[in-house]
PDB file of N, CA and C in Angstrom:
ATOM      1  N   MET A   1     -17.811  15.141  -6.305  1.00  0.00           N
ATOM      2  CA  MET A   1     -16.858  14.298  -6.979  1.00  0.00           C
ATOM      3  C   MET A   1     -15.694  14.009  -6.032  1.00  0.00           C
ATOM      4  N   PRO A   2     -15.291  12.748  -5.906  1.00  0.00           N
ATOM      5  CA  PRO A   2     -14.155  12.409  -5.044  1.00  0.00           C
ATOM      6  C   PRO A   2     -12.869  13.055  -5.567  1.00  0.00           C
ATOM      7  N   GLU A   3     -11.943  13.311  -4.654  1.00  0.00           N
ATOM      8  CA  GLU A   3     -10.687  13.932  -5.049  1.00  0.00           C
ATOM      9  C   GLU A   3      -9.554  12.918  -5.026  1.00  0.00           C
ATOM     10  N   LEU A   4      -8.552  13.167  -5.865  1.00  0.00           N
ATOM     11  CA  LEU A   4      -7.372  12.318  -5.864  1.00  0.00           C
ATOM     12  C   LEU A   4      -6.653  12.452  -4.527  1.00  0.00           C
ATOM     13  N   ASP A   5      -6.097  11.365  -4.062  1.00  0.00           N
ATOM     14  CA  ASP A   5      -5.344  11.353  -2.813  1.00  0.00           C
ATOM     15  C   ASP A   5      -3.868  11.565  -3.155  1.00  0.00           C
ATOM     16  N   LYS A   6      -3.292  12.666  -2.691  1.00  0.00           N
ATOM     17  CA  LYS A   6      -1.915  13.002  -3.034  1.00  0.00           C
ATOM     18  C   LYS A   6      -0.913  11.972  -2.515  1.00  0.00           C
ATOM     19  N   ILE A   7      -1.236  11.300  -1.446  1.00  0.00           N
ATOM     20  CA  ILE A   7      -0.331  10.280  -0.904  1.00  0.00           C
ATOM     21  C   ILE A   7      -0.356   9.033  -1.783  1.00  0.00           C
ATOM     22  N   ILE A   8      -1.518   8.598  -2.172  1.00  0.00           N
ATOM     23  CA  ILE A   8      -1.655   7.386  -2.986  1.00  0.00           C
ATOM     24  C   ILE A   8      -1.284   7.642  -4.444  1.00  0.00           C
ATOM     25  N   HIS A   9      -1.384   8.869  -4.903  1.00  0.00           N
ATOM     26  CA  HIS A   9      -1.239   9.164  -6.330  1.00  0.00           C
ATOM     27  C   HIS A   9       0.141   8.836  -6.910  1.00  0.00           C
ATOM     28  N   SER A  10       1.168   8.830  -6.093  1.00  0.00           N
ATOM     29  CA  SER A  10       2.504   8.442  -6.564  1.00  0.00           C
ATOM     30  C   SER A  10       2.424   7.043  -7.166  1.00  0.00           C
ATOM     31  N   PRO A  11       3.002   6.824  -8.356  1.00  0.00           N
ATOM     32  CA  PRO A  11       2.883   5.514  -9.003  1.00  0.00           C
ATOM     33  C   PRO A  11       3.303   4.330  -8.130  1.00  0.00           C
ATOM     34  N   ALA A  12       4.396   4.463  -7.404  1.00  0.00           N
ATOM     35  CA  ALA A  12       4.848   3.351  -6.554  1.00  0.00           C
ATOM     36  C   ALA A  12       3.860   3.098  -5.419  1.00  0.00           C
ATOM     37  N   ARG A  13       3.364   4.158  -4.788  1.00  0.00           N
ATOM     38  CA  ARG A  13       2.412   3.969  -3.683  1.00  0.00           C
ATOM     39  C   ARG A  13       1.065   3.461  -4.188  1.00  0.00           C
ATOM     40  N   LEU A  14       0.685   3.873  -5.392  1.00  0.00           N
ATOM     41  CA  LEU A  14      -0.540   3.356  -5.998  1.00  0.00           C
ATOM     42  C   LEU A  14      -0.410   1.850  -6.225  1.00  0.00           C
ATOM     43  N   LYS A  15       0.749   1.415  -6.707  1.00  0.00           N
ATOM     44  CA  LYS A  15       0.986  -0.023  -6.912  1.00  0.00           C
ATOM     45  C   LYS A  15       0.978  -0.782  -5.588  1.00  0.00           C
ATOM     46  N   ILE A  16       1.602  -0.207  -4.570  1.00  0.00           N
ATOM     47  CA  ILE A  16       1.633  -0.853  -3.250  1.00  0.00           C
ATOM     48  C   ILE A  16       0.215  -1.036  -2.736  1.00  0.00           C
ATOM     49  N   MET A  17      -0.564   0.034  -2.773  1.00  0.00           N
ATOM     50  CA  MET A  17      -1.935  -0.046  -2.263  1.00  0.00           C
ATOM     51  C   MET A  17      -2.777  -1.011  -3.091  1.00  0.00           C
ATOM     52  N   ALA A  18      -2.596  -1.017  -4.406  1.00  0.00           N
ATOM     53  CA  ALA A  18      -3.358  -1.940  -5.257  1.00  0.00           C
ATOM     54  C   ALA A  18      -3.020  -3.388  -4.902  1.00  0.00           C
ATOM     55  N   ALA A  19      -1.747  -3.666  -4.666  1.00  0.00           N
ATOM     56  CA  ALA A  19      -1.345  -5.029  -4.293  1.00  0.00           C
ATOM     57  C   ALA A  19      -1.957  -5.428  -2.957  1.00  0.00           C
ATOM     58  N   LEU A  20      -1.967  -4.512  -2.003  1.00  0.00           N
ATOM     59  CA  LEU A  20      -2.534  -4.822  -0.687  1.00  0.00           C
ATOM     60  C   LEU A  20      -4.062  -4.931  -0.741  1.00  0.00           C
ATOM     61  N   MET A  21      -4.680  -4.159  -1.617  1.00  0.00           N
ATOM     62  CA  MET A  21      -6.137  -4.214  -1.767  1.00  0.00           C
ATOM     63  C   MET A  21      -6.596  -5.534  -2.380  1.00  0.00           C
ATOM     64  N   ALA A  22      -5.699  -6.212  -3.083  1.00  0.00           N
ATOM     65  CA  ALA A  22      -6.044  -7.507  -3.677  1.00  0.00           C
ATOM     66  C   ALA A  22      -6.167  -8.588  -2.604  1.00  0.00           C
ATOM     67  N   LEU A  23      -5.683  -8.286  -1.411  1.00  0.00           N
ATOM     68  CA  LEU A  23      -5.755  -9.227  -0.293  1.00  0.00           C
ATOM     69  C   LEU A  23      -7.033  -8.999   0.503  1.00  0.00           C
ATOM     70  N   GLY A  24      -7.344  -9.923   1.365  1.00  0.00           N
ATOM     71  CA  GLY A  24      -8.452  -9.730   2.287  1.00  0.00           C
ATOM     72  C   GLY A  24      -8.105  -8.648   3.297  1.00  0.00           C
ATOM     73  N   PRO A  25      -9.105  -8.102   3.994  1.00  0.00           N
ATOM     74  CA  PRO A  25      -8.874  -6.992   4.930  1.00  0.00           C
ATOM     75  C   PRO A  25      -7.849  -7.283   6.032  1.00  0.00           C
ATOM     76  N   SER A  26      -7.715  -8.512   6.452  1.00  0.00           N
ATOM     77  CA  SER A  26      -6.752  -8.814   7.519  1.00  0.00           C
ATOM     78  C   SER A  26      -5.515  -9.549   6.997  1.00  0.00           C
ATOM     79  N   ASP A  27      -5.441  -9.757   5.679  1.00  0.00           N
ATOM     80  CA  ASP A  27      -4.286 -10.446   5.104  1.00  0.00           C
ATOM     81  C   ASP A  27      -3.140  -9.468   4.915  1.00  0.00           C
ATOM     82  N   GLN A  28      -1.939 -10.024   4.843  1.00  0.00           N
ATOM     83  CA  GLN A  28      -0.752  -9.191   4.707  1.00  0.00           C
ATOM     84  C   GLN A  28       0.261  -9.836   3.774  1.00  0.00           C
ATOM     85  N   LEU A  29       1.180  -9.019   3.276  1.00  0.00           N
ATOM     86  CA  LEU A  29       2.277  -9.487   2.426  1.00  0.00           C
ATOM     87  C   LEU A  29       3.587  -9.217   3.138  1.00  0.00           C
ATOM     88  N   ASP A  30       4.564 -10.075   2.901  1.00  0.00           N
ATOM     89  CA  ASP A  30       5.860  -9.766   3.486  1.00  0.00           C
ATOM     90  C   ASP A  30       6.594  -8.789   2.577  1.00  0.00           C
ATOM     91  N   PHE A  31       7.496  -8.052   3.172  1.00  0.00           N
ATOM     92  CA  PHE A  31       8.238  -6.975   2.524  1.00  0.00           C
ATOM     93  C   PHE A  31       8.913  -7.450   1.240  1.00  0.00           C
ATOM     94  N   SER A  32       9.601  -8.582   1.311  1.00  0.00           N
ATOM     95  CA  SER A  32      10.345  -9.081   0.146  1.00  0.00           C
ATOM     96  C   SER A  32       9.423  -9.438  -1.011  1.00  0.00           C
ATOM     97  N   THR A  33       8.316 -10.094  -0.701  1.00  0.00           N
ATOM     98  CA  THR A  33       7.356 -10.468  -1.745  1.00  0.00           C
ATOM     99  C   THR A  33       6.767  -9.225  -2.392  1.00  0.00           C
ATOM    100  N   LEU A  34       6.398  -8.250  -1.576  1.00  0.00           N
ATOM    101  CA  LEU A  34       5.815  -7.011  -2.090  1.00  0.00           C
ATOM    102  C   LEU A  34       6.805  -6.288  -3.000  1.00  0.00           C
ATOM    103  N   GLY A  35       8.037  -6.125  -2.540  1.00  0.00           N
ATOM    104  CA  GLY A  35       9.052  -5.440  -3.347  1.00  0.00           C
ATOM    105  C   GLY A  35       9.362  -6.181  -4.631  1.00  0.00           C
ATOM    106  N   GLY A  36       9.477  -7.512  -4.544  1.00  0.00           N
ATOM    107  CA  GLY A  36       9.759  -8.310  -5.733  1.00  0.00           C
ATOM    108  C   GLY A  36       8.630  -8.270  -6.735  1.00  0.00           C
ATOM    109  N   THR A  37       7.411  -8.334  -6.252  1.00  0.00           N
ATOM    110  CA  THR A  37       6.240  -8.297  -7.126  1.00  0.00           C
ATOM    111  C   THR A  37       6.148  -6.968  -7.871  1.00  0.00           C
ATOM    112  N   LEU A  38       6.475  -5.891  -7.185  1.00  0.00           N
ATOM    113  CA  LEU A  38       6.339  -4.558  -7.775  1.00  0.00           C
ATOM    114  C   LEU A  38       7.614  -4.064  -8.444  1.00  0.00           C
ATOM    115  N   GLY A  39       8.695  -4.809  -8.303  1.00  0.00           N
ATOM    116  CA  GLY A  39       9.959  -4.401  -8.915  1.00  0.00           C
ATOM    117  C   GLY A  39      10.582  -3.190  -8.252  1.00  0.00           C
ATOM    118  N   LEU A  40      10.398  -3.053  -6.943  1.00  0.00           N
ATOM    119  CA  LEU A  40      10.952  -1.925  -6.197  1.00  0.00           C
ATOM    120  C   LEU A  40      12.155  -2.382  -5.382  1.00  0.00           C
ATOM    121  N   THR A  41      13.153  -1.522  -5.278  1.00  0.00           N
ATOM    122  CA  THR A  41      14.294  -1.841  -4.425  1.00  0.00           C
ATOM    123  C   THR A  41      13.857  -1.757  -2.962  1.00  0.00           C
ATOM    124  N   ASP A  42      14.637  -2.362  -2.091  1.00  0.00           N
ATOM    125  CA  ASP A  42      14.302  -2.327  -0.661  1.00  0.00           C
ATOM    126  C   ASP A  42      14.222  -0.892  -0.149  1.00  0.00           C
ATOM    127  N   GLY A  43      15.184  -0.054  -0.552  1.00  0.00           N
ATOM    128  CA  GLY A  43      15.193   1.336  -0.101  1.00  0.00           C
ATOM    129  C   GLY A  43      13.997   2.122  -0.601  1.00  0.00           C
ATOM    130  N   ASN A  44      13.659   1.944  -1.865  1.00  0.00           N
ATOM    131  CA  ASN A  44      12.516   2.633  -2.461  1.00  0.00           C
ATOM    132  C   ASN A  44      11.222   2.169  -1.799  1.00  0.00           C
ATOM    133  N   LEU A  45      11.082   0.858  -1.661  1.00  0.00           N
ATOM    134  CA  LEU A  45       9.886   0.312  -1.025  1.00  0.00           C
ATOM    135  C   LEU A  45       9.764   0.823   0.404  1.00  0.00           C
ATOM    136  N   GLY A  46      10.856   0.780   1.141  1.00  0.00           N
ATOM    137  CA  GLY A  46      10.832   1.230   2.530  1.00  0.00           C
ATOM    138  C   GLY A  46      10.397   2.677   2.676  1.00  0.00           C
ATOM    139  N   ALA A  47      10.894   3.534   1.807  1.00  0.00           N
ATOM    140  CA  ALA A  47      10.526   4.955   1.857  1.00  0.00           C
ATOM    141  C   ALA A  47       9.039   5.144   1.584  1.00  0.00           C
ATOM    142  N   HIS A  48       8.514   4.443   0.585  1.00  0.00           N
ATOM    143  CA  HIS A  48       7.090   4.581   0.259  1.00  0.00           C
ATOM    144  C   HIS A  48       6.212   3.980   1.362  1.00  0.00           C
ATOM    145  N   LEU A  49       6.641   2.876   1.949  1.00  0.00           N
ATOM    146  CA  LEU A  49       5.877   2.282   3.045  1.00  0.00           C
ATOM    147  C   LEU A  49       5.840   3.219   4.244  1.00  0.00           C
ATOM    148  N   GLN A  50       6.927   3.908   4.507  1.00  0.00           N
ATOM    149  CA  GLN A  50       6.963   4.850   5.620  1.00  0.00           C
ATOM    150  C   GLN A  50       5.930   5.960   5.418  1.00  0.00           C
ATOM    151  N   THR A  51       5.856   6.482   4.198  1.00  0.00           N
ATOM    152  CA  THR A  51       4.875   7.535   3.888  1.00  0.00           C
ATOM    153  C   THR A  51       3.458   7.022   4.090  1.00  0.00           C
ATOM    154  N   LEU A  52       3.183   5.822   3.595  1.00  0.00           N
ATOM    155  CA  LEU A  52       1.839   5.248   3.741  1.00  0.00           C
ATOM    156  C   LEU A  52       1.519   4.949   5.201  1.00  0.00           C
ATOM    157  N   GLU A  53       2.502   4.488   5.942  1.00  0.00           N
ATOM    158  CA  GLU A  53       2.278   4.184   7.363  1.00  0.00           C
ATOM    159  C   GLU A  53       2.017   5.465   8.149  1.00  0.00           C
ATOM    160  N   GLU A  54       2.774   6.512   7.887  1.00  0.00           N
ATOM    161  CA  GLU A  54       2.579   7.787   8.579  1.00  0.00           C
ATOM    162  C   GLU A  54       1.192   8.364   8.322  1.00  0.00           C
ATOM    163  N   ALA A  55       0.645   8.089   7.143  1.00  0.00           N
ATOM    164  CA  ALA A  55      -0.707   8.556   6.803  1.00  0.00           C
ATOM    165  C   ALA A  55      -1.792   7.660   7.401  1.00  0.00           C
ATOM    166  N   GLY A  56      -1.380   6.523   7.961  1.00  0.00           N
ATOM    167  CA  GLY A  56      -2.350   5.595   8.540  1.00  0.00           C
ATOM    168  C   GLY A  56      -2.998   4.683   7.516  1.00  0.00           C
ATOM    169  N   TYR A  57      -2.414   4.573   6.318  1.00  0.00           N
ATOM    170  CA  TYR A  57      -3.001   3.777   5.245  1.00  0.00           C
ATOM    171  C   TYR A  57      -2.570   2.315   5.301  1.00  0.00           C
ATOM    172  N   ILE A  58      -1.444   2.043   5.940  1.00  0.00           N
ATOM    173  CA  ILE A  58      -0.970   0.670   6.082  1.00  0.00           C
ATOM    174  C   ILE A  58      -0.499   0.435   7.507  1.00  0.00           C
ATOM    175  N   LYS A  59      -0.396  -0.822   7.852  1.00  0.00           N
ATOM    176  CA  LYS A  59       0.142  -1.246   9.147  1.00  0.00           C
ATOM    177  C   LYS A  59       1.335  -2.136   8.849  1.00  0.00           C
ATOM    178  N   ILE A  60       2.452  -1.864   9.494  1.00  0.00           N
ATOM    179  CA  ILE A  60       3.662  -2.661   9.328  1.00  0.00           C
ATOM    180  C   ILE A  60       3.910  -3.430  10.612  1.00  0.00           C
ATOM    181  N   GLU A  61       4.150  -4.726  10.472  1.00  0.00           N
ATOM    182  CA  GLU A  61       4.416  -5.579  11.629  1.00  0.00           C
ATOM    183  C   GLU A  61       5.753  -6.276  11.413  1.00  0.00           C
ATOM    184  N   LYS A  62       6.647  -6.085  12.365  1.00  0.00           N
ATOM    185  CA  LYS A  62       7.953  -6.748  12.300  1.00  0.00           C
ATOM    186  C   LYS A  62       7.945  -7.897  13.291  1.00  0.00           C
ATOM    187  N   THR A  63       8.382  -9.056  12.820  1.00  0.00           N
ATOM    188  CA  THR A  63       8.361 -10.248  13.653  1.00  0.00           C
ATOM    189  C   THR A  63       9.529 -11.147  13.262  1.00  0.00           C
ATOM    190  N   PHE A  64       9.642 -12.270  13.922  1.00  0.00           N
ATOM    191  CA  PHE A  64      10.656 -13.259  13.581  1.00  0.00           C
ATOM    192  C   PHE A  64       9.967 -14.535  13.124  1.00  0.00           C
ATOM    193  N   VAL A  65      10.445 -15.109  12.032  1.00  0.00           N
ATOM    194  CA  VAL A  65       9.959 -16.380  11.516  1.00  0.00           C
ATOM    195  C   VAL A  65      11.187 -17.269  11.372  1.00  0.00           C
ATOM    196  N   ALA A  66      11.173 -18.386  12.061  1.00  0.00           N
ATOM    197  CA  ALA A  66      12.326 -19.284  12.068  1.00  0.00           C
ATOM    198  C   ALA A  66      13.600 -18.518  12.433  1.00  0.00           C
ATOM    199  N   ARG A  67      13.493 -17.670  13.439  1.00  0.00           N
ATOM    200  CA  ARG A  67      14.594 -16.879  13.978  1.00  0.00           C
ATOM    201  C   ARG A  67      15.171 -15.865  13.001  1.00  0.00           C
ATOM    202  N   LYS A  68      14.433 -15.566  11.945  1.00  0.00           N
ATOM    203  CA  LYS A  68      14.853 -14.546  10.982  1.00  0.00           C
ATOM    204  C   LYS A  68      13.843 -13.398  11.026  1.00  0.00           C
ATOM    205  N   PRO A  69      14.342 -12.160  10.982  1.00  0.00           N
ATOM    206  CA  PRO A  69      13.406 -11.022  10.994  1.00  0.00           C
ATOM    207  C   PRO A  69      12.585 -10.964   9.701  1.00  0.00           C
ATOM    208  N   ARG A  70      11.304 -10.699   9.861  1.00  0.00           N
ATOM    209  CA  ARG A  70      10.403 -10.558   8.701  1.00  0.00           C
ATOM    210  C   ARG A  70       9.522  -9.339   8.937  1.00  0.00           C
ATOM    211  N   THR A  71       9.220  -8.655   7.871  1.00  0.00           N
ATOM    212  CA  THR A  71       8.351  -7.487   7.924  1.00  0.00           C
ATOM    213  C   THR A  71       7.118  -7.776   7.079  1.00  0.00           C
ATOM    214  N   PHE A  72       5.954  -7.583   7.683  1.00  0.00           N
ATOM    215  CA  PHE A  72       4.684  -7.813   7.003  1.00  0.00           C
ATOM    216  C   PHE A  72       3.918  -6.506   6.893  1.00  0.00           C
ATOM    217  N   VAL A  73       3.176  -6.357   5.803  1.00  0.00           N
ATOM    218  CA  VAL A  73       2.440  -5.124   5.518  1.00  0.00           C
ATOM    219  C   VAL A  73       1.000  -5.468   5.170  1.00  0.00           C
ATOM    220  N   ARG A  74       0.066  -4.676   5.693  1.00  0.00           N
ATOM    221  CA  ARG A  74      -1.346  -4.825   5.318  1.00  0.00           C
ATOM    222  C   ARG A  74      -1.983  -3.445   5.231  1.00  0.00           C
ATOM    223  N   ALA A  75      -3.029  -3.349   4.433  1.00  0.00           N
ATOM    224  CA  ALA A  75      -3.773  -2.093   4.318  1.00  0.00           C
ATOM    225  C   ALA A  75      -4.705  -1.961   5.523  1.00  0.00           C
ATOM    226  N   THR A  76      -4.796  -0.765   6.068  1.00  0.00           N
ATOM    227  CA  THR A  76      -5.712  -0.504   7.178  1.00  0.00           C
ATOM    228  C   THR A  76      -7.110  -0.202   6.616  1.00  0.00           C
ATOM    229  N   THR A  77      -8.074  -0.133   7.502  1.00  0.00           N
ATOM    230  CA  THR A  77      -9.436   0.233   7.096  1.00  0.00           C
ATOM    231  C   THR A  77      -9.420   1.622   6.453  1.00  0.00           C
ATOM    232  N   ARG A  78      -8.694   2.531   7.066  1.00  0.00           N
ATOM    233  CA  ARG A  78      -8.586   3.892   6.502  1.00  0.00           C
ATOM    234  C   ARG A  78      -7.925   3.859   5.126  1.00  0.00           C
ATOM    235  N   GLY A  79      -6.854   3.093   4.996  1.00  0.00           N
ATOM    236  CA  GLY A  79      -6.151   2.992   3.721  1.00  0.00           C
ATOM    237  C   GLY A  79      -7.032   2.416   2.630  1.00  0.00           C
ATOM    238  N   ARG A  80      -7.818   1.412   2.992  1.00  0.00           N
ATOM    239  CA  ARG A  80      -8.729   0.804   2.019  1.00  0.00           C
ATOM    240  C   ARG A  80      -9.771   1.822   1.553  1.00  0.00           C
ATOM    241  N   ALA A  81     -10.307   2.581   2.481  1.00  0.00           N
ATOM    242  CA  ALA A  81     -11.315   3.582   2.124  1.00  0.00           C
ATOM    243  C   ALA A  81     -10.714   4.668   1.233  1.00  0.00           C
ATOM    244  N   ARG A  82      -9.529   5.161   1.589  1.00  0.00           N
ATOM    245  CA  ARG A  82      -8.882   6.202   0.795  1.00  0.00           C
ATOM    246  C   ARG A  82      -8.522   5.693  -0.601  1.00  0.00           C
ATOM    247  N   PHE A  83      -8.090   4.424  -0.698  1.00  0.00           N
ATOM    248  CA  PHE A  83      -7.776   3.856  -2.006  1.00  0.00           C
ATOM    249  C   PHE A  83      -9.034   3.806  -2.872  1.00  0.00           C
ATOM    250  N   GLU A  84     -10.138   3.348  -2.304  1.00  0.00           N
ATOM    251  CA  GLU A  84     -11.402   3.277  -3.059  1.00  0.00           C
ATOM    252  C   GLU A  84     -11.829   4.667  -3.533  1.00  0.00           C
ATOM    253  N   GLU A  85     -11.667   5.671  -2.684  1.00  0.00           N
ATOM    254  CA  GLU A  85     -12.012   7.039  -3.072  1.00  0.00           C
ATOM    255  C   GLU A  85     -11.098   7.529  -4.193  1.00  0.00           C
ATOM    256  N   HIS A  86      -9.826   7.192  -4.106  1.00  0.00           N
ATOM    257  CA  HIS A  86      -8.870   7.595  -5.137  1.00  0.00           C
ATOM    258  C   HIS A  86      -9.232   6.955  -6.486  1.00  0.00           C
ATOM    259  N   VAL A  87      -9.543   5.683  -6.460  1.00  0.00           N
ATOM    260  CA  VAL A  87      -9.918   4.971  -7.683  1.00  0.00           C
ATOM    261  C   VAL A  87     -11.205   5.575  -8.268  1.00  0.00           C
ATOM    262  N   GLU A  88     -12.138   5.921  -7.414  1.00  0.00           N
ATOM    263  CA  GLU A  88     -13.377   6.527  -7.895  1.00  0.00           C
ATOM    264  C   GLU A  88     -13.087   7.887  -8.545  1.00  0.00           C
ATOM    265  N   ALA A  89     -12.173   8.652  -7.967  1.00  0.00           N
ATOM    266  CA  ALA A  89     -11.801   9.932  -8.564  1.00  0.00           C
ATOM    267  C   ALA A  89     -11.154   9.721  -9.933  1.00  0.00           C
ATOM    268  N   LEU A  90     -10.327   8.707 -10.053  1.00  0.00           N
ATOM    269  CA  LEU A  90      -9.717   8.389 -11.359  1.00  0.00           C
ATOM    270  C   LEU A  90     -10.791   8.017 -12.384  1.00  0.00           C
ATOM    271  N   ARG A  91     -11.765   7.241 -11.940  1.00  0.00           N
ATOM    272  CA  ARG A  91     -12.859   6.853 -12.851  1.00  0.00           C
ATOM    273  C   ARG A  91     -13.617   8.095 -13.327  1.00  0.00           C
ATOM    274  N   GLU A  92     -13.869   9.023 -12.426  1.00  0.00           N
ATOM    275  CA  GLU A  92     -14.586  10.248 -12.791  1.00  0.00           C
ATOM    276  C   GLU A  92     -13.776  11.054 -13.806  1.00  0.00           C
ATOM    277  N   ILE A  93     -12.484  11.134 -13.593  1.00  0.00           N
ATOM    278  CA  ILE A  93     -11.631  11.869 -14.528  1.00  0.00           C
ATOM    279  C   ILE A  93     -11.657  11.223 -15.904  1.00  0.00           C
ATOM    280  N   CYS A  94     -11.673   9.907 -15.936  1.00  0.00           N
ATOM    281  CA  CYS A  94     -11.651   9.177 -17.217  1.00  0.00           C
ATOM    282  C   CYS A  94     -12.954   9.311 -17.980  1.00  0.00           C
ATOM    283  N   LYS A  95     -14.023   9.669 -17.307  1.00  0.00           N
ATOM    284  CA  LYS A  95     -15.320   9.852 -17.972  1.00  0.00           C
ATOM    285  C   LYS A  95     -15.344  11.112 -18.810  1.00  0.00           C
ATOM    286  N   VAL A  96     -14.520  12.062 -18.459  1.00  0.00           N
ATOM    287  CA  VAL A  96     -14.519  13.379 -19.134  1.00  0.00           C
ATOM    288  C   VAL A  96     -13.996  13.265 -20.529  1.00  0.00           C
TER     289      VAL A  96
END
C-alpha cells in the first residue's frame, strides 16, 4: 500500500501540487497566479514553495518579463510521481 507523503500532506502544499498537476509536465504557473488561485499570501506561498523545492518536487524559475521580475513554478518528474503516490494512498485510506 502506498504511503502518505509528509511533505505533500500539508493542505497548502497539497493544493499547490494539485494546481501544478493540472498543467502539462513542462507547463508552469507564475507565483502571483498560483497564490491568487489558492488564496495564499505571498509569504505563506513562498514558504511552502521553498519546502517543495528543497524536496525536489517543484522547480522555481526567476526571470524578467517586460523588465519586471517574475517567478514561475512547475512540478518536477519526481514531484509528479510523489503526488500520484500520495493520491493513491488517500484512495486506499478512503476504501477502508
